[in-house]
Amino acid sequence: MNLLVWSIIVSFYNMFSIKFIPKFILWIMNINKEHKKLVDEISVLKKEQSTISIVKEFAKHTKLQRRINKLKEELKIHIKENSSKNLKIKLICKVSLYAFSVILNLLFVYYNYHKTVLRELPTNWFLPLSWLVRWPSSQVGTMSFVFWYSITNCVAKVTTNNIF
């Protein structure tokens, strides 16, 4: 029973780490001083522009408006560059985490439990695919750890996709 519970915990841990680690890395990298500086400067200029009368000081108002528009364009360019960079980082993180997770899971199962039998099952439950349920073990009417671990990984992936 202990092995069943641990396999479920490890499966969900793998899926949650694949979901959260890229988001956490992006959150850390999104603390961008240049972006924040541009937003602050735009808000200061808008406050200054709101104090100026458009009728009395049209030239000054227009000059501030041009400067605000220029900063907004710079901000749009900056956001576009960051979004492509963030997409690359997220893709690299997910691929590397999936690869690490698969390799770690395969090594874990192969070296520790590749021939472990978890449960004795009636022989007619999985009749057409009974060889898959017992693989790599050769005992008829059993469920191997490899099969159980594969099922828990699939359930964890489906569940975490629906949650997040």
Protein backbone atom coordinates (compact mmCIF):
# COMPACT_ATOMS: atom_id res chain seq x y z
CA MET A 1 0.00 0.00 0.00
CA ASN A 2 2.85 2.35 0.79
CA LEU A 3 4.24 1.95 -2.72
CA LEU A 4 0.85 2.83 -4.24
CA VAL A 5 0.62 6.07 -2.26
CA TRP A 6 4.20 7.10 -2.98
CA SER A 7 3.75 6.56 -6.70
CA ILE A 8 0.69 8.84 -6.67
CA ILE A 9 2.55 11.53 -4.72
CA VAL A 10 5.56 11.40 -7.05
CA SER A 11 3.32 11.54 -10.14
CA PHE A 12 1.47 14.63 -8.94
CA TYR A 13 4.72 16.24 -7.82
CA ASN A 14 6.15 15.78 -11.32
CA MET A 15 3.13 17.34 -12.99
CA PHE A 16 2.90 20.27 -10.57
CA SER A 17 6.60 21.00 -10.97
CA ILE A 18 6.24 20.99 -14.75
CA LYS A 19 3.35 23.46 -14.42
CA PHE A 20 4.77 25.77 -11.76
CA ILE A 21 8.52 26.00 -12.31
CA PRO A 22 8.27 27.76 -15.73
CA LYS A 23 5.72 30.21 -14.28
CA PHE A 24 7.96 30.86 -11.30
CA ILE A 25 11.00 31.50 -13.49
CA LEU A 26 9.01 33.90 -15.67
CA TRP A 27 7.73 35.67 -12.58
CA ILE A 28 11.29 36.15 -11.35
CA MET A 29 12.48 37.41 -14.73
CA ASN A 30 9.52 39.77 -15.27
CA ILE A 31 10.75 42.12 -12.57
CA ASN A 32 12.07 44.44 -15.23
CA LYS A 33 13.30 47.89 -14.22
CA GLU A 34 13.10 49.38 -17.71
CA HIS A 35 9.45 48.39 -18.12
CA LYS A 36 8.55 49.80 -14.71
CA LYS A 37 10.49 52.99 -15.45
CA LEU A 38 8.56 53.55 -18.69
CA VAL A 39 5.20 53.00 -17.01
CA ASP A 40 6.09 55.37 -14.17
CA GLU A 41 7.29 58.04 -16.59
CA ILE A 42 4.08 57.79 -18.62
CA SER A 43 1.96 58.18 -15.51
CA VAL A 44 3.97 61.23 -14.37
CA LEU A 45 3.60 62.85 -17.79
CA LYS A 46 -0.15 62.17 -17.82
CA LYS A 47 -0.52 63.77 -14.40
CA GLU A 48 1.44 66.78 -15.60
CA GLN A 49 -0.64 66.97 -18.77
CA SER A 50 -3.87 66.87 -16.78
CA THR A 51 -2.84 70.01 -14.90
CA ILE A 52 -2.24 71.96 -18.13
CA SER A 53 -5.13 73.67 -19.88
CA ILE A 54 -5.34 72.59 -23.52
CA VAL A 55 -6.86 75.94 -24.53
CA LYS A 56 -4.33 78.22 -22.82
CA GLU A 57 -1.15 76.18 -23.33
CA PHE A 58 -1.83 74.14 -26.46
CA ALA A 59 1.84 73.84 -27.49
CA LYS A 60 2.98 72.51 -24.12
CA HIS A 61 0.01 70.11 -23.96
CA THR A 62 0.75 68.79 -27.46
CA LYS A 63 4.44 68.43 -26.70
CA LEU A 64 3.62 66.33 -23.63
CA GLN A 65 1.15 64.26 -25.67
CA ARG A 66 3.83 63.49 -28.28
CA ARG A 67 6.24 62.48 -25.55
CA ILE A 68 3.59 60.21 -23.97
CA ASN A 69 2.85 58.63 -27.36
CA LYS A 70 6.57 58.02 -27.94
CA LEU A 71 6.94 56.35 -24.54
CA LYS A 72 3.84 54.21 -25.19
CA GLU A 73 5.36 52.99 -28.46
CA GLU A 74 8.61 52.15 -26.67
CA LEU A 75 6.59 50.28 -24.06
CA LYS A 76 4.74 48.29 -26.75
CA ILE A 77 8.05 47.33 -28.37
CA HIS A 78 9.46 46.37 -24.99
CA ILE A 79 6.42 44.22 -24.17
CA LYS A 80 6.62 42.49 -27.56
CA GLU A 81 10.30 41.68 -27.05
CA ASN A 82 9.63 40.38 -23.55
CA SER A 83 6.75 38.20 -24.68
CA SER A 84 8.89 36.41 -27.27
CA LYS A 85 11.69 36.01 -24.73
CA ASN A 86 9.23 34.68 -22.15
CA LEU A 87 7.82 32.18 -24.65
CA LYS A 88 11.32 30.87 -25.39
CA ILE A 89 12.14 30.56 -21.71
CA LYS A 90 8.86 28.81 -20.96
CA LEU A 91 9.37 26.35 -23.83
CA ILE A 92 12.94 25.56 -22.80
CA CYS A 93 11.89 25.06 -19.17
CA LYS A 94 8.98 22.77 -20.02
CA VAL A 95 10.98 20.63 -22.45
CA SER A 96 13.90 20.27 -20.05
CA LEU A 97 11.58 19.48 -17.13
CA TYR A 98 9.67 16.89 -19.17
CA ALA A 99 12.94 15.27 -20.25
CA PHE A 100 14.31 15.30 -16.71
CA SER A 101 11.05 13.92 -15.33
CA VAL A 102 10.88 11.11 -17.89
CA ILE A 103 14.50 10.09 -17.37
CA LEU A 104 14.18 10.24 -13.60
CA ASN A 105 10.95 8.24 -13.63
CA LEU A 106 12.37 5.58 -15.92
CA LEU A 107 15.48 5.18 -13.81
CA PHE A 108 13.45 5.14 -10.60
CA VAL A 109 11.09 2.46 -11.86
CA TYR A 110 13.70 0.36 -13.63
CA TYR A 111 16.22 0.15 -10.83
CA ASN A 112 13.77 -0.21 -7.96
CA TYR A 113 10.48 -1.72 -9.07
CA HIS A 114 10.66 -3.08 -12.60
CA LYS A 115 9.57 -6.57 -11.56
CA THR A 116 7.54 -5.66 -8.48
CA VAL A 117 4.02 -7.05 -8.38
CA LEU A 118 1.53 -4.76 -6.67
CA ARG A 119 -1.72 -6.68 -6.66
CA GLU A 120 -3.12 -10.04 -7.56
CA LEU A 121 -6.04 -9.53 -9.94
CA PRO A 122 -8.64 -11.87 -11.37
CA THR A 123 -7.35 -13.13 -14.70
CA ASN A 124 -10.42 -12.02 -16.67
CA TRP A 125 -10.37 -8.32 -15.68
CA PHE A 126 -7.93 -7.15 -18.33
CA LEU A 127 -8.24 -10.15 -20.58
CA PRO A 128 -7.19 -8.76 -23.98
CA LEU A 129 -4.47 -6.59 -22.45
CA SER A 130 -3.42 -8.69 -19.48
CA TRP A 131 0.15 -8.83 -20.79
CA LEU A 132 0.31 -5.02 -20.59
CA VAL A 133 -0.98 -4.91 -17.02
CA ARG A 134 1.59 -7.45 -15.80
CA TRP A 135 4.56 -6.26 -17.93
CA PRO A 136 7.57 -6.61 -17.23
CA SER A 137 6.59 -9.29 -14.74
CA SER A 138 5.60 -12.66 -16.17
CA GLN A 139 3.15 -13.71 -13.45
CA VAL A 140 -0.38 -14.16 -14.82
CA GLY A 141 -3.14 -12.28 -13.02
CA THR A 142 -0.97 -9.57 -11.47
CA MET A 143 -0.56 -5.82 -11.83
CA SER A 144 2.98 -4.53 -12.09
CA PHE A 145 4.33 -1.32 -10.63
CA VAL A 146 5.23 -0.06 -14.11
CA PHE A 147 1.58 -0.24 -15.18
CA TRP A 148 0.35 1.44 -11.98
CA TYR A 149 2.95 4.19 -12.20
CA SER A 150 2.05 4.87 -15.84
CA ILE A 151 -1.63 5.14 -14.94
CA THR A 152 -0.94 7.52 -12.03
CA ASN A 153 1.20 9.72 -14.28
CA CYS A 154 -1.60 9.92 -16.86
CA VAL A 155 -4.19 10.74 -14.19
CA ALA A 156 -1.91 13.38 -12.67
CA LYS A 157 -1.36 15.00 -16.07
CA VAL A 158 -5.08 15.11 -16.89
CA THR A 159 -5.95 16.42 -13.43
CA THR A 160 -3.32 19.17 -13.42
CA ASN A 161 -4.31 20.25 -16.94
CA ASN A 162 -7.90 20.66 -15.79
CA ILE A 163 -6.92 22.53 -12.62
CA PHE A 164 -4.48 24.97 -14.21
